[in-house]
Amino acid sequence: METTRTLGRSGIEVSAVGFGCWAIGGEWQGPDGQPLGWGKVDDEESVRAVRRALDLGVTFFDTADVYGTGHSERVLGRALGRRRDEVVVATKWGNVFDPDTRTLTGTDDSPEHLRRALTASLRRLGTDRVDLYQLHLADADPERAARLRDTCEDLVAQGLIRAYAWSTDDPERAAVFAEGPHCAAVQHALNVLDDAPAMLRLCEEADLASVNRSPLAMGLLTGKHAGRAPLQEGDIRARPPVWLRGFGAGTGADPEWLARVEALREVLTSDGRTLAQGALAWLWARSPRTVPIPGFRSVAQAEENAGALEKGPLDEEQMAEVGRVLAGG
């Protein structure tokens, strides 16, 4: 298969799988104490994992200023080091946080905050530009977002960012950003259990890349939650917010979602794939515009996710079988 894809109309080429850097930010929380990270993390292992991914051909890394309240950006910047120019770095803005207490404190959709946030992200990442800068407020007011889009165009002209996107699951909002010449993508939820046909249609019509968050359904498509083991304290999935599907508060993975994963296991693990690799293969077959960004916390996870590139997308017959399984379930 082609192991690279292009970020929409930007011409920026990336590996067909990117790496999502939410988990390596470590623990952080909402104002009410709600965990917003994935539990404790080993920074040295995170750095080794990023560097291993680079060696295996991964060239796209997606983070956000708020992940670990700045920690994810710092770890990614350190891991990339002198290899920064080999990769495409995406980060996000819109949230306000206190790094001392590792707490999300609010949001800010003003152009002034956008410029301040970019300056801070560049410093933490140790770089002079962000390749893909993404609005992180999924439900921001479209009219105010249009002002942010125009500010992003100014930042492109200044050479501080190369392209921009909105992280949202609403195609109408994504279309507002798509009106800007240097809008390259929309980041949205998409996986074999949770399709997004309207968003993929917009990506096709507006010539955008579909950057896929939750490509492994927050871990359900790795098969590691089949025993419904309790999640560690500080893991967002242990006390899931309303938008996080597939997990129950204090109960681990949702049995109905696990049953759907099991029903798909045979077809997704065809041709020697792991379950996670099969889930990524479905995304590549779903649309030529998709760039899944699975999370990782270890070298082993980095190797498994990057290994999906060798196997390529599911074929037509396998895709049809997935459709039959889901329709029957």
Protein backbone atom coordinates (compact mmCIF):
# COMPACT_ATOMS: atom_id res chain seq x y z
CA MET A 1 0.00 0.00 0.00
CA GLU A 2 0.94 3.64 -0.22
CA THR A 3 2.49 4.31 3.18
CA THR A 4 1.92 8.07 2.90
CA ARG A 5 -1.11 10.33 2.54
CA THR A 6 -1.52 14.04 1.85
CA LEU A 7 -3.14 16.51 4.24
CA GLY A 8 -5.88 17.73 1.95
CA ARG A 9 -5.10 20.65 -0.30
CA SER A 10 -1.95 21.64 1.66
CA GLY A 11 0.31 19.22 -0.22
CA ILE A 12 1.87 18.28 3.13
CA GLU A 13 2.74 14.58 3.01
CA VAL A 14 2.47 12.43 6.16
CA SER A 15 2.75 8.75 7.02
CA ALA A 16 -0.62 7.02 6.57
CA VAL A 17 -0.72 6.44 10.33
CA GLY A 18 0.03 9.28 12.71
CA PHE A 19 0.65 9.02 16.44
CA GLY A 20 -1.68 10.71 18.91
CA CYS A 21 0.17 12.15 21.92
CA TRP A 22 -2.70 12.59 24.41
CA ALA A 23 -1.67 9.63 26.60
CA ILE A 24 2.00 10.63 26.90
CA GLY A 25 0.92 13.90 28.54
CA GLY A 26 0.32 11.97 31.76
CA GLU A 27 -2.25 12.82 34.39
CA TRP A 28 -4.30 16.03 34.38
CA GLN A 29 -7.83 16.93 35.41
CA GLY A 30 -10.89 19.09 34.91
CA PRO A 31 -11.94 21.79 37.40
CA ASP A 32 -14.15 19.21 39.15
CA GLY A 33 -11.30 16.70 39.54
CA GLN A 34 -12.47 14.62 36.57
CA PRO A 35 -9.41 12.74 35.20
CA LEU A 36 -8.59 13.91 31.67
CA GLY A 37 -5.41 11.92 31.05
CA TRP A 38 -4.78 8.21 30.66
CA GLY A 39 -3.06 7.66 34.00
CA LYS A 40 0.58 7.67 34.98
CA VAL A 41 3.21 7.71 32.31
CA ASP A 42 6.98 7.10 32.00
CA ASP A 43 8.51 10.01 30.09
CA GLU A 44 11.64 8.08 29.15
CA GLU A 45 9.53 5.29 27.65
CA SER A 46 7.46 7.93 25.80
CA VAL A 47 10.64 9.40 24.29
CA ARG A 48 11.87 5.93 23.26
CA ALA A 49 8.48 5.17 21.70
CA VAL A 50 8.44 8.38 19.63
CA ARG A 51 11.97 7.70 18.37
CA ARG A 52 11.09 4.08 17.54
CA ALA A 53 8.07 5.31 15.58
CA LEU A 54 10.33 7.65 13.61
CA ASP A 55 12.64 4.75 12.76
CA LEU A 56 9.61 2.76 11.54
CA GLY A 57 8.50 5.49 9.14
CA VAL A 58 5.94 7.44 11.20
CA THR A 59 6.19 11.12 10.27
CA PHE A 60 3.00 12.62 11.76
CA PHE A 61 2.55 13.42 15.47
CA ASP A 62 -0.61 15.00 16.89
CA THR A 63 -0.70 16.65 20.31
CA ALA A 64 -2.45 19.58 22.05
CA ASP A 65 -1.32 22.30 24.42
CA VAL A 66 -3.75 21.04 27.08
CA TYR A 67 -2.59 17.38 27.10
CA GLY A 68 -0.94 17.05 30.49
CA THR A 69 -1.25 20.88 30.59
CA GLY A 70 1.79 21.34 28.36
CA HIS A 71 3.61 18.12 29.26
CA SER A 72 2.83 16.22 26.06
CA GLU A 73 4.24 19.03 23.90
CA ARG A 74 7.43 19.16 25.97
CA VAL A 75 7.95 15.39 25.82
CA LEU A 76 7.28 15.31 22.06
CA GLY A 77 9.65 18.24 21.46
CA ARG A 78 12.40 16.49 23.44
CA ALA A 79 11.84 13.18 21.67
CA LEU A 80 12.01 14.73 18.20
CA GLY A 81 15.07 16.85 18.96
CA ARG A 82 17.23 17.28 15.88
CA ARG A 83 14.84 15.14 13.81
CA ARG A 84 12.12 17.82 13.96
CA ASP A 85 12.42 18.56 10.25
CA GLU A 86 11.68 14.92 9.36
CA VAL A 87 8.15 15.11 10.74
CA VAL A 88 4.83 16.93 10.56
CA VAL A 89 3.75 18.25 13.96
CA ALA A 90 0.10 18.99 14.73
CA THR A 91 -1.07 20.63 17.94
CA LYS A 92 -4.23 22.34 19.17
CA TRP A 93 -5.41 25.44 21.01
CA GLY A 94 -8.55 26.79 22.70
CA ASN A 95 -8.29 25.44 26.24
CA VAL A 96 -6.92 27.37 29.22
CA PHE A 97 -5.09 25.50 31.97
CA ASP A 98 -2.92 25.77 35.09
CA PRO A 99 0.27 23.71 34.63
CA ASP A 100 1.15 23.95 38.35
CA THR A 101 -1.99 22.05 39.39
CA ARG A 102 -2.34 20.24 36.02
CA THR A 103 -5.91 21.49 35.79
CA LEU A 104 -8.06 22.58 32.85
CA THR A 105 -9.53 25.91 33.94
CA GLY A 106 -11.62 27.03 30.96
CA THR A 107 -11.68 27.89 27.26
CA ASP A 108 -10.85 30.96 25.19
CA ASP A 109 -11.94 31.39 21.56
CA SER A 110 -10.44 34.86 21.05
CA PRO A 111 -7.85 35.63 18.34
CA GLU A 112 -5.65 37.11 21.08
CA HIS A 113 -5.56 33.81 22.93
CA LEU A 114 -4.86 31.98 19.68
CA ARG A 115 -1.66 33.99 19.18
CA ARG A 116 -0.59 33.59 22.84
CA ALA A 117 -1.28 29.85 22.75
CA LEU A 118 0.76 29.38 19.56
CA THR A 119 3.74 31.22 21.04
CA ALA A 120 3.60 28.98 24.11
CA SER A 121 3.26 25.79 22.04
CA LEU A 122 6.23 26.72 19.86
CA ARG A 123 8.31 27.21 23.00
CA ARG A 124 7.29 23.88 24.55
CA LEU A 125 7.80 21.98 21.29
CA GLY A 126 11.15 23.65 20.69
CA THR A 127 10.28 24.59 17.11
CA ASP A 128 9.73 27.67 14.94
CA ARG A 129 6.48 26.54 13.29
CA VAL A 130 3.50 24.22 13.71
CA ASP A 131 2.64 22.23 10.59
CA LEU A 132 -1.07 21.73 11.40
CA TYR A 133 -2.70 24.00 14.01
CA GLN A 134 -6.12 22.86 15.19
CA LEU A 135 -8.97 24.54 17.05
CA HIS A 136 -9.67 22.26 20.02
CA LEU A 137 -13.16 23.58 20.90
CA ALA A 138 -15.53 21.17 19.18
CA ASP A 139 -18.65 23.28 19.76
CA ALA A 140 -17.22 26.79 19.32
CA ASP A 141 -19.54 29.43 17.86
CA PRO A 142 -19.19 29.31 14.04
CA GLU A 143 -19.09 33.11 13.64
CA ARG A 144 -16.32 33.46 16.21
CA ALA A 145 -14.56 30.50 14.62
CA ALA A 146 -14.56 32.34 11.29
CA ARG A 147 -12.46 35.07 12.95
CA LEU A 148 -10.06 32.40 14.20
CA ARG A 149 -9.82 30.98 10.69
CA ASP A 150 -8.83 34.43 9.40
CA THR A 151 -6.24 34.75 12.17
CA CYS A 152 -4.83 31.38 11.12
CA GLU A 153 -4.47 32.71 7.57
CA ASP A 154 -2.39 35.60 9.00
CA LEU A 155 -0.22 33.10 10.88
CA VAL A 156 0.33 31.10 7.68
CA ALA A 157 1.45 34.31 5.96
CA GLN A 158 3.89 34.91 8.84
CA GLY A 159 5.34 31.39 8.50
CA LEU A 160 4.35 30.40 12.04
CA ILE A 161 1.94 27.68 10.90
CA ARG A 162 1.73 25.81 7.58
CA ALA A 163 -1.94 24.79 7.66
CA TYR A 164 -4.85 24.58 10.09
CA ALA A 165 -7.90 22.50 10.98
CA TRP A 166 -10.82 22.22 13.40
CA SER A 167 -11.13 19.29 15.80
CA THR A 168 -14.91 18.79 15.75
CA ASP A 169 -17.48 16.11 14.96
CA ASP A 170 -19.85 18.63 13.35
CA PRO A 171 -19.54 18.81 9.53
CA GLU A 172 -21.23 22.23 9.43
CA ARG A 173 -18.61 23.69 11.77
CA ALA A 174 -15.78 21.99 9.87
CA ALA A 175 -17.15 23.58 6.68
CA VAL A 176 -16.63 27.06 8.19
CA PHE A 177 -12.88 26.42 8.49
CA ALA A 178 -12.84 24.71 5.09
CA GLU A 179 -13.58 28.09 3.49
CA GLY A 180 -10.03 29.19 4.34
CA PRO A 181 -7.42 28.56 1.62
CA HIS A 182 -4.95 26.94 4.05
CA CYS A 183 -7.42 24.72 5.90
CA ALA A 184 -6.04 21.22 5.31
CA ALA A 185 -8.05 18.83 7.48
CA VAL A 186 -10.70 18.15 10.04
CA GLN A 187 -9.93 16.03 13.08
CA HIS A 188 -12.91 13.91 14.10
CA ALA A 189 -13.88 10.65 15.75
CA LEU A 190 -13.92 7.68 13.40
CA ASN A 191 -13.46 3.94 13.88
CA VAL A 192 -15.03 0.69 12.73
CA LEU A 193 -17.59 0.88 15.57
CA ASP A 194 -18.42 4.55 14.99
CA ASP A 195 -18.57 5.65 11.36
CA ALA A 196 -18.82 9.30 10.20
CA PRO A 197 -20.15 9.32 6.62
CA ALA A 198 -21.23 12.99 6.64
CA MET A 199 -17.75 14.14 7.71
CA LEU A 200 -16.02 11.97 5.12
CA ARG A 201 -18.35 13.43 2.48
CA LEU A 202 -17.28 16.95 3.52
CA CYS A 203 -13.60 15.96 3.33
CA GLU A 204 -14.15 14.73 -0.21
CA GLU A 205 -16.08 17.84 -1.29
CA ALA A 206 -13.74 20.37 0.36
CA ASP A 207 -10.46 18.52 -0.34
CA LEU A 208 -9.58 17.99 3.34
CA ALA A 209 -7.76 15.20 5.13
CA SER A 210 -9.77 13.21 7.67
CA VAL A 211 -7.56 12.99 10.77
CA ASN A 212 -9.11 10.24 12.88
CA ARG A 213 -9.11 10.44 16.64
CA SER A 214 -10.26 7.40 18.63
CA PRO A 215 -9.29 5.08 15.73
CA LEU A 216 -9.04 2.23 18.25
CA ALA A 217 -12.20 3.30 20.17
CA MET A 218 -10.22 4.47 23.22
CA GLY A 219 -8.52 1.07 23.42
CA LEU A 220 -11.54 -1.19 22.89
CA LEU A 221 -10.22 -2.23 19.48
CA THR A 222 -6.91 -3.39 20.94
CA GLY A 223 -8.64 -6.33 22.65
CA LYS A 224 -6.99 -5.48 25.96
CA HIS A 225 -10.28 -4.66 27.71
CA ALA A 226 -12.01 -7.97 26.99
CA GLY A 227 -11.64 -9.09 30.63
CA ARG A 228 -13.18 -5.79 31.80
CA ALA A 229 -10.25 -5.24 34.19
CA PRO A 230 -10.59 -2.13 36.35
CA LEU A 231 -8.81 0.94 34.99
CA GLN A 232 -6.17 2.76 37.00
CA GLU A 233 -7.06 5.90 38.89
CA GLY A 234 -6.29 8.98 36.81
CA ASP A 235 -7.45 7.27 33.59
CA ILE A 236 -10.29 9.20 31.89
CA ARG A 237 -11.94 5.88 31.00
CA ALA A 238 -12.41 5.03 34.70
CA ARG A 239 -14.78 8.02 35.09
CA PRO A 240 -15.83 8.66 31.50
CA PRO A 241 -17.35 12.02 30.57
CA VAL A 242 -20.62 12.02 28.60
CA TRP A 243 -18.93 12.11 25.19
CA LEU A 244 -16.72 9.07 25.85
CA ARG A 245 -18.62 6.06 24.55
CA GLY A 246 -17.89 2.40 25.24
CA PHE A 247 -16.99 2.68 28.93
CA GLY A 248 -19.09 2.92 32.11
CA ALA A 249 -18.20 4.78 35.31
CA GLY A 250 -16.27 2.37 37.52
CA THR A 251 -17.30 -0.64 35.42
CA GLY A 252 -14.68 -0.66 32.67
CA ALA A 253 -15.56 -1.47 29.09
CA ASP A 254 -19.21 -1.66 28.02
CA PRO A 255 -20.22 -5.33 27.38
CA GLU A 256 -22.25 -4.40 24.28
CA TRP A 257 -19.27 -2.65 22.70
CA LEU A 258 -17.00 -5.57 23.62
CA ALA A 259 -19.44 -7.98 21.96
CA ARG A 260 -19.22 -5.98 18.73
CA VAL A 261 -15.41 -6.07 18.91
CA GLU A 262 -15.47 -9.85 19.36
CA ALA A 263 -17.84 -10.24 16.41
CA LEU A 264 -15.35 -8.34 14.23
CA ARG A 265 -12.23 -10.07 15.55
CA GLU A 266 -11.97 -12.74 12.85
CA VAL A 267 -12.14 -10.39 9.87
CA LEU A 268 -9.99 -7.67 11.46
CA THR A 269 -7.23 -10.14 12.35
CA SER A 270 -7.11 -11.62 8.84
CA ASP A 271 -3.79 -11.69 6.93
CA GLY A 272 -1.79 -11.88 10.15
CA ARG A 273 -2.91 -8.53 11.56
CA THR A 274 -3.41 -7.83 15.24
CA LEU A 275 -6.87 -6.55 16.18
CA ALA A 276 -5.56 -2.97 16.40
CA GLN A 277 -3.84 -3.26 13.01
CA GLY A 278 -7.11 -4.51 11.53
CA ALA A 279 -8.96 -1.50 12.95
CA LEU A 280 -6.43 0.83 11.29
CA ALA A 281 -6.67 -1.18 8.05
CA TRP A 282 -10.46 -0.62 8.02
CA LEU A 283 -9.91 3.15 8.28
CA TRP A 284 -7.53 3.21 5.32
CA ALA A 285 -10.00 1.22 3.24
CA ARG A 286 -12.90 3.44 4.34
CA SER A 287 -11.51 6.51 2.52
CA PRO A 288 -8.28 7.55 0.78
CA ARG A 289 -8.37 10.72 2.94
CA THR A 290 -8.14 9.08 6.37
CA VAL A 291 -5.10 9.46 8.62
CA PRO A 292 -5.71 7.57 11.88
CA ILE A 293 -3.81 8.79 14.95
CA PRO A 294 -3.80 5.96 17.54
CA GLY A 295 -2.43 6.78 20.96
CA PHE A 296 0.58 5.06 22.52
CA ARG A 297 2.49 4.87 25.78
CA SER A 298 5.15 2.26 25.07
CA VAL A 299 7.67 1.12 22.48
CA ALA A 300 5.61 -2.07 22.02
CA GLN A 301 2.49 -0.06 21.16
CA ALA A 302 4.50 2.13 18.78
CA GLU A 303 5.78 -0.96 16.99
CA GLU A 304 2.32 -2.52 16.72
CA ASN A 305 0.67 0.65 15.39
CA ALA A 306 3.47 1.38 12.91
CA GLY A 307 3.43 -2.29 11.86
CA ALA A 308 -0.04 -1.79 10.41
CA LEU A 309 1.57 0.13 7.52
CA GLU A 310 3.14 -3.08 6.15
CA LYS A 311 -0.22 -4.87 6.06
CA GLY A 312 -2.10 -2.07 4.29
CA PRO A 313 -5.87 -1.54 4.06
CA LEU A 314 -8.55 -4.24 4.19
CA ASP A 315 -9.61 -5.48 0.74
CA GLU A 316 -13.12 -5.15 -0.70
CA GLU A 317 -14.19 -8.60 0.46
CA GLN A 318 -13.00 -7.94 4.02
CA MET A 319 -14.77 -4.58 4.08
CA ALA A 320 -17.98 -6.24 2.92
CA GLU A 321 -17.64 -8.81 5.68
CA VAL A 322 -17.23 -6.02 8.29
CA GLY A 323 -20.41 -4.46 6.95
CA ARG A 324 -22.28 -7.76 7.23
CA VAL A 325 -21.09 -8.35 10.81
CA LEU A 326 -22.10 -4.85 11.94
CA ALA A 327 -25.49 -5.04 10.19
CA GLY A 328 -26.17 -8.38 11.83
CA GLY A 329 -25.14 -7.13 15.28
